[in-house]
Amino acid sequence: MKAHELLAPEGAWTQGTTARDAAGKPTHPLNGDAVSFCTLGAIGRCYGGYNYETSAALFKLQSRIEELGYHTPIAPWNDALNRTQAQVVALLKELDI
């Protein structure tokens, strides 16, 4: 599964932590109780942790964020007050992540 597919359903995206359980409490993105994810958490979940494939996806995403004129790391980009789930999903889909 791609990260954009994981984040596409309503409520599957979150801000302020890498993942949340059904009660909205922070959890690890690889835990079975995780139901919503930030951009970083979704990438980690889809690539089975943080490894070479994850690093390549994060580099690709960070580069594109900078090309779009955002001079911030991925987590603050995800957590921006005006960021939407649709924007996150669209960018990940564009990059096939």
PDB file of N, CA and C in Angstrom:
ATOM      1  N   MET A   1       0.841  -1.181   0.000  1.00  0.00           N
ATOM      2  CA  MET A   1       0.000   0.000   0.000  1.00  0.00           C
ATOM      3  C   MET A   1       0.884   1.241   0.000  1.00  0.00           C
ATOM      4  N   LYS A   2       0.472   2.237  -0.730  1.00  0.00           N
ATOM      5  CA  LYS A   2       1.179   3.516  -0.778  1.00  0.00           C
ATOM      6  C   LYS A   2       0.668   4.421   0.357  1.00  0.00           C
ATOM      7  N   ALA A   3       1.502   5.354   0.794  1.00  0.00           N
ATOM      8  CA  ALA A   3       1.118   6.267   1.871  1.00  0.00           C
ATOM      9  C   ALA A   3      -0.099   7.104   1.486  1.00  0.00           C
ATOM     10  N   HIS A   4      -0.190   7.517   0.220  1.00  0.00           N
ATOM     11  CA  HIS A   4      -1.349   8.323  -0.181  1.00  0.00           C
ATOM     12  C   HIS A   4      -2.641   7.511  -0.082  1.00  0.00           C
ATOM     13  N   GLU A   5      -2.567   6.201  -0.292  1.00  0.00           N
ATOM     14  CA  GLU A   5      -3.746   5.341  -0.149  1.00  0.00           C
ATOM     15  C   GLU A   5      -4.129   5.176   1.323  1.00  0.00           C
ATOM     16  N   LEU A   6      -3.127   5.048   2.174  1.00  0.00           N
ATOM     17  CA  LEU A   6      -3.370   4.920   3.609  1.00  0.00           C
ATOM     18  C   LEU A   6      -4.043   6.169   4.162  1.00  0.00           C
ATOM     19  N   LEU A   7      -3.613   7.335   3.673  1.00  0.00           N
ATOM     20  CA  LEU A   7      -4.128   8.607   4.192  1.00  0.00           C
ATOM     21  C   LEU A   7      -5.410   9.087   3.518  1.00  0.00           C
ATOM     22  N   ALA A   8      -5.818   8.461   2.450  1.00  0.00           N
ATOM     23  CA  ALA A   8      -6.974   8.950   1.684  1.00  0.00           C
ATOM     24  C   ALA A   8      -8.321   8.891   2.417  1.00  0.00           C
ATOM     25  N   PRO A   9      -8.634   7.854   3.180  1.00  0.00           N
ATOM     26  CA  PRO A   9      -9.951   7.810   3.830  1.00  0.00           C
ATOM     27  C   PRO A   9     -10.132   8.946   4.846  1.00  0.00           C
ATOM     28  N   GLU A  10     -11.336   9.430   4.960  1.00  0.00           N
ATOM     29  CA  GLU A  10     -11.652  10.483   5.936  1.00  0.00           C
ATOM     30  C   GLU A  10     -11.196  10.044   7.320  1.00  0.00           C
ATOM     31  N   GLY A  11     -10.468  10.924   8.002  1.00  0.00           N
ATOM     32  CA  GLY A  11     -10.005  10.643   9.350  1.00  0.00           C
ATOM     33  C   GLY A  11      -8.712   9.855   9.448  1.00  0.00           C
ATOM     34  N   ALA A  12      -8.117   9.481   8.322  1.00  0.00           N
ATOM     35  CA  ALA A  12      -6.891   8.685   8.354  1.00  0.00           C
ATOM     36  C   ALA A  12      -5.643   9.531   8.528  1.00  0.00           C
ATOM     37  N   TRP A  13      -5.768  10.845   8.428  1.00  0.00           N
ATOM     38  CA  TRP A  13      -4.632  11.757   8.542  1.00  0.00           C
ATOM     39  C   TRP A  13      -4.691  12.480   9.874  1.00  0.00           C
ATOM     40  N   THR A  14      -3.539  12.759  10.441  1.00  0.00           N
ATOM     41  CA  THR A  14      -3.480  13.499  11.692  1.00  0.00           C
ATOM     42  C   THR A  14      -2.330  14.494  11.673  1.00  0.00           C
ATOM     43  N   GLN A  15      -2.322  15.339  12.655  1.00  0.00           N
ATOM     44  CA  GLN A  15      -1.245  16.315  12.846  1.00  0.00           C
ATOM     45  C   GLN A  15      -0.773  16.235  14.287  1.00  0.00           C
ATOM     46  N   GLY A  16       0.462  16.671  14.521  1.00  0.00           N
ATOM     47  CA  GLY A  16       0.980  16.789  15.877  1.00  0.00           C
ATOM     48  C   GLY A  16       1.609  15.538  16.468  1.00  0.00           C
ATOM     49  N   THR A  17       1.499  14.439  15.794  1.00  0.00           N
ATOM     50  CA  THR A  17       2.112  13.185  16.221  1.00  0.00           C
ATOM     51  C   THR A  17       2.168  12.264  15.011  1.00  0.00           C
ATOM     52  N   THR A  18       3.000  11.231  15.057  1.00  0.00           N
ATOM     53  CA  THR A  18       3.140  10.367  13.889  1.00  0.00           C
ATOM     54  C   THR A  18       1.933   9.470  13.663  1.00  0.00           C
ATOM     55  N   ALA A  19       1.219   9.114  14.745  1.00  0.00           N
ATOM     56  CA  ALA A  19       0.035   8.257  14.602  1.00  0.00           C
ATOM     57  C   ALA A  19      -0.845   8.392  15.841  1.00  0.00           C
ATOM     58  N   ARG A  20      -2.119   8.050  15.659  1.00  0.00           N
ATOM     59  CA  ARG A  20      -3.080   8.060  16.769  1.00  0.00           C
ATOM     60  C   ARG A  20      -3.903   6.780  16.737  1.00  0.00           C
ATOM     61  N   ASP A  21      -4.368   6.385  17.912  1.00  0.00           N
ATOM     62  CA  ASP A  21      -5.273   5.247  17.984  1.00  0.00           C
ATOM     63  C   ASP A  21      -6.711   5.733  17.819  1.00  0.00           C
ATOM     64  N   ALA A  22      -7.677   4.836  17.921  1.00  0.00           N
ATOM     65  CA  ALA A  22      -9.084   5.177  17.702  1.00  0.00           C
ATOM     66  C   ALA A  22      -9.605   6.203  18.709  1.00  0.00           C
ATOM     67  N   ALA A  23      -8.977   6.273  19.872  1.00  0.00           N
ATOM     68  CA  ALA A  23      -9.370   7.246  20.895  1.00  0.00           C
ATOM     69  C   ALA A  23      -8.684   8.594  20.699  1.00  0.00           C
ATOM     70  N   GLY A  24      -7.816   8.694  19.694  1.00  0.00           N
ATOM     71  CA  GLY A  24      -7.100   9.935  19.421  1.00  0.00           C
ATOM     72  C   GLY A  24      -5.806  10.094  20.188  1.00  0.00           C
ATOM     73  N   LYS A  25      -5.406   9.053  20.907  1.00  0.00           N
ATOM     74  CA  LYS A  25      -4.169   9.110  21.673  1.00  0.00           C
ATOM     75  C   LYS A  25      -2.976   8.781  20.777  1.00  0.00           C
ATOM     76  N   PRO A  26      -1.849   9.475  20.969  1.00  0.00           N
ATOM     77  CA  PRO A  26      -0.656   9.174  20.182  1.00  0.00           C
ATOM     78  C   PRO A  26      -0.207   7.719  20.370  1.00  0.00           C
ATOM     79  N   THR A  27       0.247   7.127  19.289  1.00  0.00           N
ATOM     80  CA  THR A  27       0.776   5.774  19.298  1.00  0.00           C
ATOM     81  C   THR A  27       1.861   5.684  18.233  1.00  0.00           C
ATOM     82  N   HIS A  28       2.543   4.584  18.174  1.00  0.00           N
ATOM     83  CA  HIS A  28       3.588   4.392  17.160  1.00  0.00           C
ATOM     84  C   HIS A  28       2.921   3.986  15.850  1.00  0.00           C
ATOM     85  N   PRO A  29       3.390   4.498  14.721  1.00  0.00           N
ATOM     86  CA  PRO A  29       2.755   4.171  13.443  1.00  0.00           C
ATOM     87  C   PRO A  29       2.795   2.693  13.064  1.00  0.00           C
ATOM     88  N   LEU A  30       3.692   1.925  13.654  1.00  0.00           N
ATOM     89  CA  LEU A  30       3.741   0.490  13.356  1.00  0.00           C
ATOM     90  C   LEU A  30       2.874  -0.333  14.301  1.00  0.00           C
ATOM     91  N   ASN A  31       2.312   0.291  15.336  1.00  0.00           N
ATOM     92  CA  ASN A  31       1.435  -0.431  16.252  1.00  0.00           C
ATOM     93  C   ASN A  31       0.116  -0.781  15.575  1.00  0.00           C
ATOM     94  N   GLY A  32      -0.425  -1.901  15.912  1.00  0.00           N
ATOM     95  CA  GLY A  32      -1.687  -2.344  15.343  1.00  0.00           C
ATOM     96  C   GLY A  32      -2.864  -1.467  15.696  1.00  0.00           C
ATOM     97  N   ASP A  33      -2.747  -0.658  16.760  1.00  0.00           N
ATOM     98  CA  ASP A  33      -3.855   0.207  17.159  1.00  0.00           C
ATOM     99  C   ASP A  33      -3.875   1.543  16.418  1.00  0.00           C
ATOM    100  N   ALA A  34      -2.882   1.816  15.601  1.00  0.00           N
ATOM    101  CA  ALA A  34      -2.808   3.086  14.864  1.00  0.00           C
ATOM    102  C   ALA A  34      -3.880   3.125  13.773  1.00  0.00           C
ATOM    103  N   VAL A  35      -4.664   4.210  13.777  1.00  0.00           N
ATOM    104  CA  VAL A  35      -5.729   4.357  12.767  1.00  0.00           C
ATOM    105  C   VAL A  35      -5.605   5.647  11.956  1.00  0.00           C
ATOM    106  N   SER A  36      -4.811   6.586  12.449  1.00  0.00           N
ATOM    107  CA  SER A  36      -4.563   7.811  11.687  1.00  0.00           C
ATOM    108  C   SER A  36      -3.090   8.145  11.782  1.00  0.00           C
ATOM    109  N   PHE A  37      -2.587   8.802  10.736  1.00  0.00           N
ATOM    110  CA  PHE A  37      -1.157   8.986  10.592  1.00  0.00           C
ATOM    111  C   PHE A  37      -0.845  10.375  10.047  1.00  0.00           C
ATOM    112  N   CYS A  38       0.303  10.921  10.455  1.00  0.00           N
ATOM    113  CA  CYS A  38       0.824  12.099   9.783  1.00  0.00           C
ATOM    114  C   CYS A  38       1.566  11.611   8.549  1.00  0.00           C
ATOM    115  N   THR A  39       2.094  12.516   7.774  1.00  0.00           N
ATOM    116  CA  THR A  39       2.821  12.146   6.569  1.00  0.00           C
ATOM    117  C   THR A  39       3.985  11.203   6.891  1.00  0.00           C
ATOM    118  N   LEU A  40       4.779  11.547   7.895  1.00  0.00           N
ATOM    119  CA  LEU A  40       5.927  10.711   8.264  1.00  0.00           C
ATOM    120  C   LEU A  40       5.478   9.342   8.764  1.00  0.00           C
ATOM    121  N   GLY A  41       4.446   9.328   9.591  1.00  0.00           N
ATOM    122  CA  GLY A  41       3.936   8.069  10.124  1.00  0.00           C
ATOM    123  C   GLY A  41       3.395   7.161   9.039  1.00  0.00           C
ATOM    124  N   ALA A  42       2.703   7.752   8.069  1.00  0.00           N
ATOM    125  CA  ALA A  42       2.144   6.967   6.965  1.00  0.00           C
ATOM    126  C   ALA A  42       3.249   6.357   6.116  1.00  0.00           C
ATOM    127  N   ILE A  43       4.288   7.120   5.854  1.00  0.00           N
ATOM    128  CA  ILE A  43       5.410   6.589   5.060  1.00  0.00           C
ATOM    129  C   ILE A  43       6.097   5.466   5.829  1.00  0.00           C
ATOM    130  N   GLY A  44       6.338   5.668   7.107  1.00  0.00           N
ATOM    131  CA  GLY A  44       6.944   4.622   7.924  1.00  0.00           C
ATOM    132  C   GLY A  44       6.091   3.368   7.974  1.00  0.00           C
ATOM    133  N   ARG A  45       4.795   3.535   8.111  1.00  0.00           N
ATOM    134  CA  ARG A  45       3.882   2.389   8.174  1.00  0.00           C
ATOM    135  C   ARG A  45       3.892   1.613   6.847  1.00  0.00           C
ATOM    136  N   CYS A  46       3.837   2.330   5.752  1.00  0.00           N
ATOM    137  CA  CYS A  46       3.755   1.672   4.445  1.00  0.00           C
ATOM    138  C   CYS A  46       5.050   0.999   4.027  1.00  0.00           C
ATOM    139  N   TYR A  47       6.175   1.476   4.527  1.00  0.00           N
ATOM    140  CA  TYR A  47       7.457   0.873   4.184  1.00  0.00           C
ATOM    141  C   TYR A  47       7.968  -0.060   5.286  1.00  0.00           C
ATOM    142  N   GLY A  48       7.116  -0.316   6.275  1.00  0.00           N
ATOM    143  CA  GLY A  48       7.478  -1.280   7.314  1.00  0.00           C
ATOM    144  C   GLY A  48       8.524  -0.794   8.291  1.00  0.00           C
ATOM    145  N   GLY A  49       8.578   0.489   8.516  1.00  0.00           N
ATOM    146  CA  GLY A  49       9.552   1.054   9.436  1.00  0.00           C
ATOM    147  C   GLY A  49      10.416   2.071   8.732  1.00  0.00           C
ATOM    148  N   TYR A  50      11.504   2.389   9.340  1.00  0.00           N
ATOM    149  CA  TYR A  50      12.381   3.406   8.791  1.00  0.00           C
ATOM    150  C   TYR A  50      13.634   2.717   8.266  1.00  0.00           C
ATOM    151  N   ASN A  51      13.745   2.661   6.941  1.00  0.00           N
ATOM    152  CA  ASN A  51      14.795   1.908   6.280  1.00  0.00           C
ATOM    153  C   ASN A  51      15.205   2.643   5.008  1.00  0.00           C
ATOM    154  N   TYR A  52      15.934   1.967   4.122  1.00  0.00           N
ATOM    155  CA  TYR A  52      16.406   2.599   2.897  1.00  0.00           C
ATOM    156  C   TYR A  52      15.246   3.104   2.038  1.00  0.00           C
ATOM    157  N   GLU A  53      14.200   2.293   1.858  1.00  0.00           N
ATOM    158  CA  GLU A  53      13.054   2.712   1.040  1.00  0.00           C
ATOM    159  C   GLU A  53      12.359   3.914   1.654  1.00  0.00           C
ATOM    160  N   THR A  54      12.242   3.915   2.964  1.00  0.00           N
ATOM    161  CA  THR A  54      11.638   5.051   3.646  1.00  0.00           C
ATOM    162  C   THR A  54      12.486   6.295   3.418  1.00  0.00           C
ATOM    163  N   SER A  55      13.787   6.160   3.571  1.00  0.00           N
ATOM    164  CA  SER A  55      14.684   7.303   3.376  1.00  0.00           C
ATOM    165  C   SER A  55      14.572   7.872   1.969  1.00  0.00           C
ATOM    166  N   ALA A  56      14.487   7.005   0.975  1.00  0.00           N
ATOM    167  CA  ALA A  56      14.355   7.470  -0.413  1.00  0.00           C
ATOM    168  C   ALA A  56      13.045   8.215  -0.611  1.00  0.00           C
ATOM    169  N   ALA A  57      11.961   7.708  -0.042  1.00  0.00           N
ATOM    170  CA  ALA A  57      10.657   8.376  -0.156  1.00  0.00           C
ATOM    171  C   ALA A  57      10.679   9.724   0.550  1.00  0.00           C
ATOM    172  N   LEU A  58      11.288   9.775   1.734  1.00  0.00           N
ATOM    173  CA  LEU A  58      11.358  11.034   2.482  1.00  0.00           C
ATOM    174  C   LEU A  58      12.205  12.069   1.748  1.00  0.00           C
ATOM    175  N   PHE A  59      13.300  11.637   1.147  1.00  0.00           N
ATOM    176  CA  PHE A  59      14.130  12.555   0.376  1.00  0.00           C
ATOM    177  C   PHE A  59      13.353  13.118  -0.811  1.00  0.00           C
ATOM    178  N   LYS A  60      12.644  12.258  -1.514  1.00  0.00           N
ATOM    179  CA  LYS A  60      11.834  12.671  -2.660  1.00  0.00           C
ATOM    180  C   LYS A  60      10.767  13.679  -2.232  1.00  0.00           C
ATOM    181  N   LEU A  61      10.095  13.393  -1.114  1.00  0.00           N
ATOM    182  CA  LEU A  61       9.052  14.296  -0.609  1.00  0.00           C
ATOM    183  C   LEU A  61       9.648  15.617  -0.151  1.00  0.00           C
ATOM    184  N   GLN A  62      10.738  15.576   0.609  1.00  0.00           N
ATOM    185  CA  GLN A  62      11.364  16.814   1.086  1.00  0.00           C
ATOM    186  C   GLN A  62      11.800  17.692  -0.081  1.00  0.00           C
ATOM    187  N   SER A  63      12.365  17.083  -1.094  1.00  0.00           N
ATOM    188  CA  SER A  63      12.795  17.840  -2.278  1.00  0.00           C
ATOM    189  C   SER A  63      11.610  18.531  -2.946  1.00  0.00           C
ATOM    190  N   ARG A  64      10.502  17.830  -3.069  1.00  0.00           N
ATOM    191  CA  ARG A  64       9.314  18.406  -3.718  1.00  0.00           C
ATOM    192  C   ARG A  64       8.711  19.521  -2.877  1.00  0.00           C
ATOM    193  N   ILE A  65       8.681  19.340  -1.559  1.00  0.00           N
ATOM    194  CA  ILE A  65       8.174  20.389  -0.664  1.00  0.00           C
ATOM    195  C   ILE A  65       8.985  21.665  -0.861  1.00  0.00           C
ATOM    196  N   GLU A  66      10.291  21.530  -0.950  1.00  0.00           N
ATOM    197  CA  GLU A  66      11.158  22.692  -1.161  1.00  0.00           C
ATOM    198  C   GLU A  66      10.941  23.307  -2.543  1.00  0.00           C
ATOM    199  N   GLU A  67      10.750  22.466  -3.561  1.00  0.00           N
ATOM    200  CA  GLU A  67      10.458  22.975  -4.919  1.00  0.00           C
ATOM    201  C   GLU A  67       9.181  23.806  -4.936  1.00  0.00           C
ATOM    202  N   LEU A  68       8.235  23.443  -4.081  1.00  0.00           N
ATOM    203  CA  LEU A  68       6.963  24.163  -4.008  1.00  0.00           C
ATOM    204  C   LEU A  68       7.071  25.471  -3.218  1.00  0.00           C
ATOM    205  N   GLY A  69       8.259  25.738  -2.679  1.00  0.00           N
ATOM    206  CA  GLY A  69       8.491  27.005  -1.983  1.00  0.00           C
ATOM    207  C   GLY A  69       8.337  26.951  -0.478  1.00  0.00           C
ATOM    208  N   TYR A  70       8.141  25.766   0.067  1.00  0.00           N
ATOM    209  CA  TYR A  70       8.067  25.618   1.523  1.00  0.00           C
ATOM    210  C   TYR A  70       9.469  25.297   2.013  1.00  0.00           C
ATOM    211  N   HIS A  71       9.984  26.134   2.866  1.00  0.00           N
ATOM    212  CA  HIS A  71      11.338  25.925   3.379  1.00  0.00           C
ATOM    213  C   HIS A  71      11.238  25.422   4.808  1.00  0.00           C
ATOM    214  N   THR A  72      10.750  24.190   4.912  1.00  0.00           N
ATOM    215  CA  THR A  72      10.503  23.573   6.200  1.00  0.00           C
ATOM    216  C   THR A  72      10.655  22.064   6.070  1.00  0.00           C
ATOM    217  N   PRO A  73      11.008  21.390   7.146  1.00  0.00           N
ATOM    218  CA  PRO A  73      11.023  19.928   7.105  1.00  0.00           C
ATOM    219  C   PRO A  73       9.603  19.362   6.938  1.00  0.00           C
ATOM    220  N   ILE A  74       9.520  18.072   6.696  1.00  0.00           N
ATOM    221  CA  ILE A  74       8.238  17.422   6.415  1.00  0.00           C
ATOM    222  C   ILE A  74       7.251  17.555   7.573  1.00  0.00           C
ATOM    223  N   ALA A  75       7.694  17.307   8.802  1.00  0.00           N
ATOM    224  CA  ALA A  75       6.767  17.344   9.937  1.00  0.00           C
ATOM    225  C   ALA A  75       6.099  18.717  10.095  1.00  0.00           C
ATOM    226  N   PRO A  76       6.831  19.824  10.104  1.00  0.00           N
ATOM    227  CA  PRO A  76       6.162  21.121  10.193  1.00  0.00           C
ATOM    228  C   PRO A  76       5.276  21.424   8.978  1.00  0.00           C
ATOM    229  N   TRP A  77       5.659  20.922   7.811  1.00  0.00           N
ATOM    230  CA  TRP A  77       4.809  21.094   6.627  1.00  0.00           C
ATOM    231  C   TRP A  77       3.477  20.383   6.862  1.00  0.00           C
ATOM    232  N   ASN A  78       3.532  19.136   7.339  1.00  0.00           N
ATOM    233  CA  ASN A  78       2.325  18.371   7.639  1.00  0.00           C
ATOM    234  C   ASN A  78       1.471  19.082   8.688  1.00  0.00           C
ATOM    235  N   ASP A  79       2.130  19.654   9.698  1.00  0.00           N
ATOM    236  CA  ASP A  79       1.437  20.216  10.849  1.00  0.00           C
ATOM    237  C   ASP A  79       1.029  21.679  10.690  1.00  0.00           C
ATOM    238  N   ALA A  80       1.302  22.280   9.538  1.00  0.00           N
ATOM    239  CA  ALA A  80       0.914  23.683   9.325  1.00  0.00           C
ATOM    240  C   ALA A  80      -0.587  23.851   9.553  1.00  0.00           C
ATOM    241  N   LEU A  81      -0.960  24.959  10.175  1.00  0.00           N
ATOM    242  CA  LEU A  81      -2.363  25.189  10.525  1.00  0.00           C
ATOM    243  C   LEU A  81      -3.303  25.140   9.327  1.00  0.00           C
ATOM    244  N   ASN A  82      -2.843  25.573   8.181  1.00  0.00           N
ATOM    245  CA  ASN A  82      -3.703  25.609   6.991  1.00  0.00           C
ATOM    246  C   ASN A  82      -3.568  24.359   6.118  1.00  0.00           C
ATOM    247  N   ARG A  83      -2.758  23.368   6.553  1.00  0.00           N
ATOM    248  CA  ARG A  83      -2.574  22.159   5.765  1.00  0.00           C
ATOM    249  C   ARG A  83      -3.850  21.322   5.815  1.00  0.00           C
ATOM    250  N   THR A  84      -4.184  20.696   4.708  1.00  0.00           N
ATOM    251  CA  THR A  84      -5.365  19.835   4.663  1.00  0.00           C
ATOM    252  C   THR A  84      -4.976  18.411   4.300  1.00  0.00           C
ATOM    253  N   GLN A  85      -5.841  17.506   4.636  1.00  0.00           N
ATOM    254  CA  GLN A  85      -5.644  16.105   4.275  1.00  0.00           C
ATOM    255  C   GLN A  85      -5.562  15.970   2.767  1.00  0.00           C
ATOM    256  N   ALA A  86      -6.406  16.684   2.057  1.00  0.00           N
ATOM    257  CA  ALA A  86      -6.416  16.611   0.591  1.00  0.00           C
ATOM    258  C   ALA A  86      -5.073  17.044   0.003  1.00  0.00           C
ATOM    259  N   GLN A  87      -4.456  18.081   0.559  1.00  0.00           N
ATOM    260  CA  GLN A  87      -3.153  18.538   0.070  1.00  0.00           C
ATOM    261  C   GLN A  87      -2.077  17.480   0.284  1.00  0.00           C
ATOM    262  N   VAL A  88      -2.092  16.875   1.453  1.00  0.00           N
ATOM    263  CA  VAL A  88      -1.097  15.849   1.773  1.00  0.00           C
ATOM    264  C   VAL A  88      -1.260  14.652   0.840  1.00  0.00           C
ATOM    265  N   VAL A  89      -2.482  14.181   0.707  1.00  0.00           N
ATOM    266  CA  VAL A  89      -2.741  13.022  -0.148  1.00  0.00           C
ATOM    267  C   VAL A  89      -2.361  13.329  -1.598  1.00  0.00           C
ATOM    268  N   ALA A  90      -2.708  14.522  -2.079  1.00  0.00           N
ATOM    269  CA  ALA A  90      -2.404  14.880  -3.466  1.00  0.00           C
ATOM    270  C   ALA A  90      -0.903  14.905  -3.734  1.00  0.00           C
ATOM    271  N   LEU A  91      -0.130  15.457  -2.802  1.00  0.00           N
ATOM    272  CA  LEU A  91       1.316  15.516  -3.006  1.00  0.00           C
ATOM    273  C   LEU A  91       1.932  14.118  -2.972  1.00  0.00           C
ATOM    274  N   LEU A  92       1.512  13.306  -2.031  1.00  0.00           N
ATOM    275  CA  LEU A  92       2.027  11.944  -1.967  1.00  0.00           C
ATOM    276  C   LEU A  92       1.631  11.154  -3.209  1.00  0.00           C
ATOM    277  N   LYS A  93       0.435  11.376  -3.698  1.00  0.00           N
ATOM    278  CA  LYS A  93      -0.012  10.688  -4.911  1.00  0.00           C
ATOM    279  C   LYS A  93       0.799  11.146  -6.120  1.00  0.00           C
ATOM    280  N   GLU A  94       1.050  12.452  -6.222  1.00  0.00           N
ATOM    281  CA  GLU A  94       1.866  12.993  -7.315  1.00  0.00           C
ATOM    282  C   GLU A  94       3.234  12.322  -7.356  1.00  0.00           C
ATOM    283  N   LEU A  95       3.797  12.078  -6.178  1.00  0.00           N
ATOM    284  CA  LEU A  95       5.132  11.490  -6.076  1.00  0.00           C
ATOM    285  C   LEU A  95       5.109   9.956  -6.054  1.00  0.00           C
ATOM    286  N   ASP A  96       3.930   9.386  -6.090  1.00  0.00           N
ATOM    287  CA  ASP A  96       3.741   7.931  -6.035  1.00  0.00           C
ATOM    288  C   ASP A  96       4.375   7.343  -4.786  1.00  0.00           C
ATOM    289  N   ILE A  97       4.107   7.989  -3.679  1.00  0.00           N
ATOM    290  CA  ILE A  97       4.589   7.529  -2.365  1.00  0.00           C
ATOM    291  C   ILE A  97       3.389   6.980  -1.606  1.00  0.00           C
TER     292      ILE A  97
END
